[in-house]
């Protein structure tokens, strides 16, 4: 990914910033110029909560180039509380079993690095972790 594209996508990668259609109130992610529900112009920014539930998932064993060091890893289709579905890697699972309907929350994590180790670019993006993760960490203290 070229640097200019990385910065252009920064809001939706780090904070799940999408749009809300001013005509039909549909929540849209990723942002688009036209609402997929009513076909009218949709350019009003909307910040998603980052909470949702696992709709479907799979475990990637043979990862594509650039992701091989993370394999095996779990990728899920997450339905956000506001409606849209997003595809994302699950993280911080430990020994927890992934289940359909499991509540998850968005976190920002390193996705991959591009280029050499000294001068390459680190690419961060959203991933999701079990929603109980934070409660369990606090309870352990």
Protein backbone atom coordinates (compact mmCIF):
# COMPACT_ATOMS: atom_id res chain seq x y z
CA UNK A 1 0.00 0.00 0.00
CA UNK A 2 1.41 3.35 -0.96
CA UNK A 3 1.82 5.92 1.81
CA UNK A 4 -0.76 8.35 0.37
CA UNK A 5 -3.47 5.65 0.40
CA UNK A 6 -2.52 4.65 3.95
CA UNK A 7 -3.09 8.20 5.22
CA UNK A 8 -6.30 8.60 3.22
CA UNK A 9 -7.74 5.51 4.95
CA UNK A 10 -6.47 6.43 8.42
CA UNK A 11 -9.84 7.42 9.96
CA UNK A 12 -11.65 4.25 8.97
CA UNK A 13 -8.68 2.03 9.90
CA UNK A 14 -8.06 3.48 13.37
CA UNK A 15 -11.46 4.62 14.57
CA UNK A 16 -14.12 2.97 12.39
CA UNK A 17 -15.25 6.27 10.92
CA UNK A 18 -17.94 5.75 8.32
CA UNK A 19 -20.96 7.72 7.24
CA UNK A 20 -24.63 8.08 8.01
CA UNK A 21 -27.04 8.81 5.20
CA UNK A 22 -28.91 12.07 5.92
CA UNK A 23 -31.85 10.81 3.84
CA UNK A 24 -32.57 7.30 5.19
CA UNK A 25 -30.32 7.21 8.31
CA UNK A 26 -28.44 4.10 7.09
CA UNK A 27 -25.06 3.64 8.77
CA UNK A 28 -22.37 3.01 6.13
CA UNK A 29 -18.94 1.40 6.48
CA UNK A 30 -16.61 1.78 4.75
CA UNK A 31 -17.53 5.31 3.61
CA UNK A 32 -19.02 5.67 0.13
CA UNK A 33 -20.21 8.63 -1.90
CA UNK A 34 -23.63 7.07 -2.47
CA UNK A 35 -25.84 5.35 0.11
CA UNK A 36 -26.24 1.65 -0.77
CA UNK A 37 -29.74 1.66 0.79
CA UNK A 38 -31.46 4.62 -0.90
CA UNK A 39 -29.01 5.73 -3.61
CA UNK A 40 -28.78 9.33 -2.39
CA UNK A 41 -25.58 11.20 -1.55
CA UNK A 42 -24.13 10.26 1.84
CA UNK A 43 -21.20 12.31 3.13
CA UNK A 44 -22.04 12.88 6.79
CA UNK A 45 -19.28 11.42 8.97
CA UNK A 46 -20.28 8.84 11.60
CA UNK A 47 -18.14 7.29 14.36
CA UNK A 48 -19.05 3.68 15.06
CA UNK A 49 -18.88 2.42 18.64
CA UNK A 50 -16.50 -0.42 17.76
CA UNK A 51 -18.74 -2.98 19.47
CA UNK A 52 -20.43 -5.86 17.75
CA UNK A 53 -20.89 -9.63 17.54
CA UNK A 54 -19.20 -12.38 15.57
CA UNK A 55 -21.47 -13.27 12.66
CA UNK A 56 -19.14 -15.85 11.08
CA UNK A 57 -15.45 -16.77 11.30
CA UNK A 58 -12.67 -18.93 9.91
CA UNK A 59 -9.10 -19.77 10.82
CA UNK A 60 -6.45 -18.94 8.22
CA UNK A 61 -3.73 -21.60 8.14
CA UNK A 62 -1.91 -20.67 4.91
CA UNK A 63 -1.65 -16.90 5.08
CA UNK A 64 -0.99 -14.67 2.07
CA UNK A 65 2.33 -12.92 1.60
CA UNK A 66 2.92 -10.35 4.31
CA UNK A 67 0.80 -12.17 6.90
CA UNK A 68 2.62 -15.51 7.13
CA UNK A 69 4.27 -14.71 10.47
CA UNK A 70 0.82 -14.33 12.08
CA UNK A 71 -0.61 -17.67 10.86
CA UNK A 72 -2.65 -19.38 12.02
CA UNK A 73 -5.08 -16.56 12.83
CA UNK A 74 -8.82 -16.11 13.02
CA UNK A 75 -10.73 -13.76 10.72
CA UNK A 76 -14.33 -12.88 11.50
CA UNK A 77 -17.27 -11.21 9.90
CA UNK A 78 -18.40 -8.83 12.68
CA UNK A 79 -21.82 -7.24 12.72
CA UNK A 80 -21.39 -3.85 14.38
CA UNK A 81 -24.02 -2.76 16.90
CA UNK A 82 -25.02 -0.02 14.44
CA UNK A 83 -25.68 -2.55 11.63
CA UNK A 84 -22.85 -2.77 9.08
CA UNK A 85 -20.72 -5.90 8.74
CA UNK A 86 -16.93 -5.66 8.73
CA UNK A 87 -14.26 -8.28 8.16
CA UNK A 88 -11.43 -8.25 10.66
CA UNK A 89 -8.86 -10.38 12.38
CA UNK A 90 -9.67 -11.48 15.93
CA UNK A 91 -6.96 -10.92 18.54
CA UNK A 92 -6.34 -11.46 22.26
CA UNK A 93 -8.20 -14.78 22.17
CA UNK A 94 -5.80 -16.77 24.33
CA UNK A 95 -7.45 -20.13 24.86
CA UNK A 96 -10.96 -18.70 24.40
CA UNK A 97 -13.08 -20.48 21.82
CA UNK A 98 -14.65 -18.26 19.15
CA UNK A 99 -18.43 -18.61 18.89
CA UNK A 100 -21.10 -17.16 16.63
CA UNK A 101 -22.78 -14.30 18.51
CA UNK A 102 -19.74 -13.69 20.74
CA UNK A 103 -19.54 -9.99 21.74
CA UNK A 104 -16.39 -8.27 20.50
CA UNK A 105 -14.85 -4.80 20.65
CA UNK A 106 -12.54 -2.99 18.27
CA UNK A 107 -8.89 -2.44 19.10
CA UNK A 108 -6.07 -0.96 17.02
CA UNK A 109 -3.22 -3.37 16.37
CA UNK A 110 -0.33 -3.81 13.95
CA UNK A 111 -1.57 -5.45 10.79
CA UNK A 112 1.72 -5.89 8.94
CA UNK A 113 4.95 -4.17 7.98
CA UNK A 114 5.88 -3.16 4.45
CA UNK A 115 9.44 -2.83 3.23
CA UNK A 116 12.60 -3.55 5.16
CA UNK A 117 12.75 -3.54 8.97
CA UNK A 118 14.73 -0.33 9.30
CA UNK A 119 12.90 1.90 6.82
CA UNK A 120 9.66 0.06 6.15
CA UNK A 121 6.20 1.27 7.09
CA UNK A 122 4.23 -0.34 9.91
CA UNK A 123 0.56 -0.64 8.97
CA UNK A 124 -1.94 -0.52 11.82
CA UNK A 125 -5.63 -1.20 11.53
CA UNK A 126 -8.63 -2.34 13.50
CA UNK A 127 -8.97 -5.85 14.85
CA UNK A 128 -11.52 -7.18 17.30
CA UNK A 129 -11.07 -8.89 20.65
CA UNK A 130 -13.57 -10.56 22.97
CA UNK A 131 -15.59 -7.87 24.77
CA UNK A 132 -14.98 -9.61 28.10
CA UNK A 133 -11.21 -9.12 27.66
CA UNK A 134 -11.09 -5.77 29.44
CA UNK A 135 -13.38 -6.92 32.26
CA UNK A 136 -11.28 -10.05 32.79
CA UNK A 137 -8.03 -8.02 32.83
CA UNK A 138 -9.44 -5.63 35.46
CA UNK A 139 -10.79 -8.51 37.58
CA UNK A 140 -7.33 -10.15 37.58
CA UNK A 141 -5.69 -7.05 39.14
